[in-house]
C-alpha atoms as a PDB file:
ATOM      1  CA  MET A   1      -2.983 -25.665   0.020  1.00  0.00           C
ATOM      2  CA  ALA A   2       0.556 -25.910  -1.157  1.00  0.00           C
ATOM      3  CA  LEU A   3       3.422 -28.641  -1.368  1.00  0.00           C
ATOM      4  CA  VAL A   4       6.355 -27.881   0.669  1.00  0.00           C
ATOM      5  CA  GLY A   5       8.520 -26.950  -2.126  1.00  0.00           C
ATOM      6  CA  ALA A   6       6.396 -27.563  -4.748  1.00  0.00           C
ATOM      7  CA  TYR A   7       4.055 -24.471  -6.622  1.00  0.00           C
ATOM      8  CA  SER A   8       0.592 -24.303  -6.028  1.00  0.00           C
ATOM      9  CA  LEU A   9      -1.775 -24.298  -8.944  1.00  0.00           C
ATOM     10  CA  TYR A  10      -3.232 -20.345  -9.564  1.00  0.00           C
ATOM     11  CA  THR A  11      -6.072 -19.609  -7.761  1.00  0.00           C
ATOM     12  CA  CYS A  12      -8.227 -16.003  -7.915  1.00  0.00           C
ATOM     13  CA  LYS A  13      -8.585 -16.570  -4.117  1.00  0.00           C
ATOM     14  CA  ILE A  14      -5.764 -14.215  -3.150  1.00  0.00           C
ATOM     15  CA  SER A  15      -5.567 -14.476   0.582  1.00  0.00           C
ATOM     16  CA  THR A  16      -4.786 -11.902   3.324  1.00  0.00           C
ATOM     17  CA  GLU A  17      -1.604 -13.246   3.909  1.00  0.00           C
ATOM     18  CA  ALA A  18      -0.779 -12.958  -0.218  1.00  0.00           C
ATOM     19  CA  LYS A  19      -1.324  -9.738  -0.496  1.00  0.00           C
ATOM     20  CA  LYS A  20       0.066  -8.361   2.419  1.00  0.00           C
ATOM     21  CA  ALA A  21       3.691  -9.532   1.330  1.00  0.00           C
ATOM     22  CA  PHE A  22       2.575  -8.618  -2.353  1.00  0.00           C
ATOM     23  CA  GLU A  23       1.606  -4.773  -1.030  1.00  0.00           C
ATOM     24  CA  GLU A  24       5.029  -4.718   0.921  1.00  0.00           C
ATOM     25  CA  ALA A  25       6.619  -5.979  -1.796  1.00  0.00           C
ATOM     26  CA  ILE A  26       5.936  -2.997  -4.126  1.00  0.00           C
ATOM     27  CA  ALA A  27       6.054  -0.026  -1.785  1.00  0.00           C
ATOM     28  CA  GLY A  28       7.867   2.107  -3.482  1.00  0.00           C
ATOM     29  CA  LEU A  29       7.760   0.596  -6.682  1.00  0.00           C
ATOM     30  CA  VAL A  30       7.619   3.623  -9.663  1.00  0.00           C
ATOM     31  CA  GLY A  31       6.636   3.023 -13.304  1.00  0.00           C
ATOM     32  CA  VAL A  32       4.017   0.704 -13.699  1.00  0.00           C
ATOM     33  CA  ASN A  33       1.111  -0.062 -11.529  1.00  0.00           C
ATOM     34  CA  TYR A  34       0.404  -3.768 -11.237  1.00  0.00           C
ATOM     35  CA  SER A  35      -2.799  -5.476  -9.884  1.00  0.00           C
ATOM     36  CA  PRO A  36      -3.417  -8.991  -9.007  1.00  0.00           C
ATOM     37  CA  VAL A  37      -5.595 -11.218 -10.555  1.00  0.00           C
ATOM     38  CA  ALA A  38      -3.790 -14.945  -9.617  1.00  0.00           C
ATOM     39  CA  VAL A  39      -1.368 -16.140  -6.978  1.00  0.00           C
ATOM     40  CA  SER A  40       0.161 -19.418  -7.152  1.00  0.00           C
ATOM     41  CA  ILE A  41       2.820 -19.833  -4.010  1.00  0.00           C
ATOM     42  CA  GLN A  42       5.649 -21.929  -2.958  1.00  0.00           C
ATOM     43  CA  ILE A  43       6.264 -22.739   0.728  1.00  0.00           C
ATOM     44  CA  VAL A  44      10.115 -22.816   1.584  1.00  0.00           C
ATOM     45  CA  ALA A  45      12.047 -21.146   4.296  1.00  0.00           C
ATOM     46  CA  GLY A  46       9.657 -18.303   3.941  1.00  0.00           C
ATOM     47  CA  THR A  47       7.131 -18.124   1.333  1.00  0.00           C
ATOM     48  CA  ASN A  48       7.562 -17.815  -3.004  1.00  0.00           C
ATOM     49  CA  TYR A  49       4.447 -16.172  -4.501  1.00  0.00           C
ATOM     50  CA  HIS A  50       3.709 -15.934  -7.948  1.00  0.00           C
ATOM     51  CA  PHE A  51       1.336 -12.942  -8.731  1.00  0.00           C
ATOM     52  CA  PHE A  52      -0.162 -13.165 -12.158  1.00  0.00           C
ATOM     53  CA  CYS A  53      -1.021  -9.209 -12.592  1.00  0.00           C
ATOM     54  CA  ASN A  54      -2.797  -6.728 -15.152  1.00  0.00           C
ATOM     55  CA  ALA A  55       0.117  -4.348 -15.631  1.00  0.00           C
ATOM     56  CA  THR A  56      -0.456  -0.300 -16.459  1.00  0.00           C
ATOM     57  CA  PRO A  57       2.280   1.767 -17.331  1.00  0.00           C
ATOM     58  CA  VAL A  58       2.098   5.349 -15.928  1.00  0.00           C
ATOM     59  CA  THR A  59       1.979   7.367 -18.771  1.00  0.00           C
ATOM     60  CA  ALA A  60       0.134   9.383 -20.639  1.00  0.00           C
ATOM     61  CA  LYS A  61      -1.105   6.787 -23.265  1.00  0.00           C
ATOM     62  CA  PRO A  62      -0.495   3.877 -21.214  1.00  0.00           C
ATOM     63  CA  ILE A  63      -0.734   0.321 -22.944  1.00  0.00           C
ATOM     64  CA  ASN A  64      -1.672  -2.186 -20.060  1.00  0.00           C
ATOM     65  CA  GLY A  65      -0.231  -5.628 -20.126  1.00  0.00           C
ATOM     66  CA  ALA A  66       0.280  -8.578 -17.890  1.00  0.00           C
ATOM     67  CA  ALA A  67       2.986  -9.389 -15.845  1.00  0.00           C
ATOM     68  CA  ILE A  68       4.196 -12.666 -13.179  1.00  0.00           C
ATOM     69  CA  VAL A  69       5.159 -10.532 -10.087  1.00  0.00           C
ATOM     70  CA  SER A  70       7.360 -12.905  -8.067  1.00  0.00           C
ATOM     71  CA  VAL A  71       7.708 -12.130  -4.648  1.00  0.00           C
ATOM     72  CA  PHE A  72       9.707 -13.768  -1.306  1.00  0.00           C
ATOM     73  CA  ALA A  73       8.580 -13.332   2.262  1.00  0.00           C
ATOM     74  CA  PRO A  74      11.263 -14.872   4.088  1.00  0.00           C
ATOM     75  CA  LEU A  75      10.128 -16.100   7.765  1.00  0.00           C
ATOM     76  CA  GLU A  76      11.226 -12.317   9.419  1.00  0.00           C
ATOM     77  CA  GLY A  77      11.833  -9.711   6.822  1.00  0.00           C
ATOM     78  CA  GLU A  78      10.017  -7.997   4.700  1.00  0.00           C
ATOM     79  CA  ALA A  79       8.625  -9.240   1.565  1.00  0.00           C
ATOM     80  CA  HIS A  80      10.552  -8.176  -1.667  1.00  0.00           C
ATOM     81  CA  ILE A  81       9.957  -8.450  -5.450  1.00  0.00           C
ATOM     82  CA  THR A  82      12.567 -11.481  -6.674  1.00  0.00           C
ATOM     83  CA  LYS A  83      11.322 -10.631 -10.185  1.00  0.00           C
ATOM     84  CA  ILE A  84       9.553  -9.270 -12.479  1.00  0.00           C
ATOM     85  CA  GLN A  85       8.192 -10.733 -16.355  1.00  0.00           C
ATOM     86  CA  ASN A  86       5.675  -9.411 -18.625  1.00  0.00           C
ATOM     87  CA  VAL A  87       3.778 -12.005 -20.345  1.00  0.00           C
END
């Protein structure tokens, strides 16, 4: 459980709610496939998520990597990506 305003520790147990926000945010994203491995959350006026992901470019000879995909899920409306940072 996260404290209001603070990010939680990363966990590999990604909740159904977090999975839904991730899928909603990346819908239509092309060029790289992101597979979440762990998540950290922050409760604000909505929820901020940091998903630690395996990243696989959609190319003939992909070079796999890792990325933090930041997603904001507002109280009303659709979740969306706020930042993608390669790590």
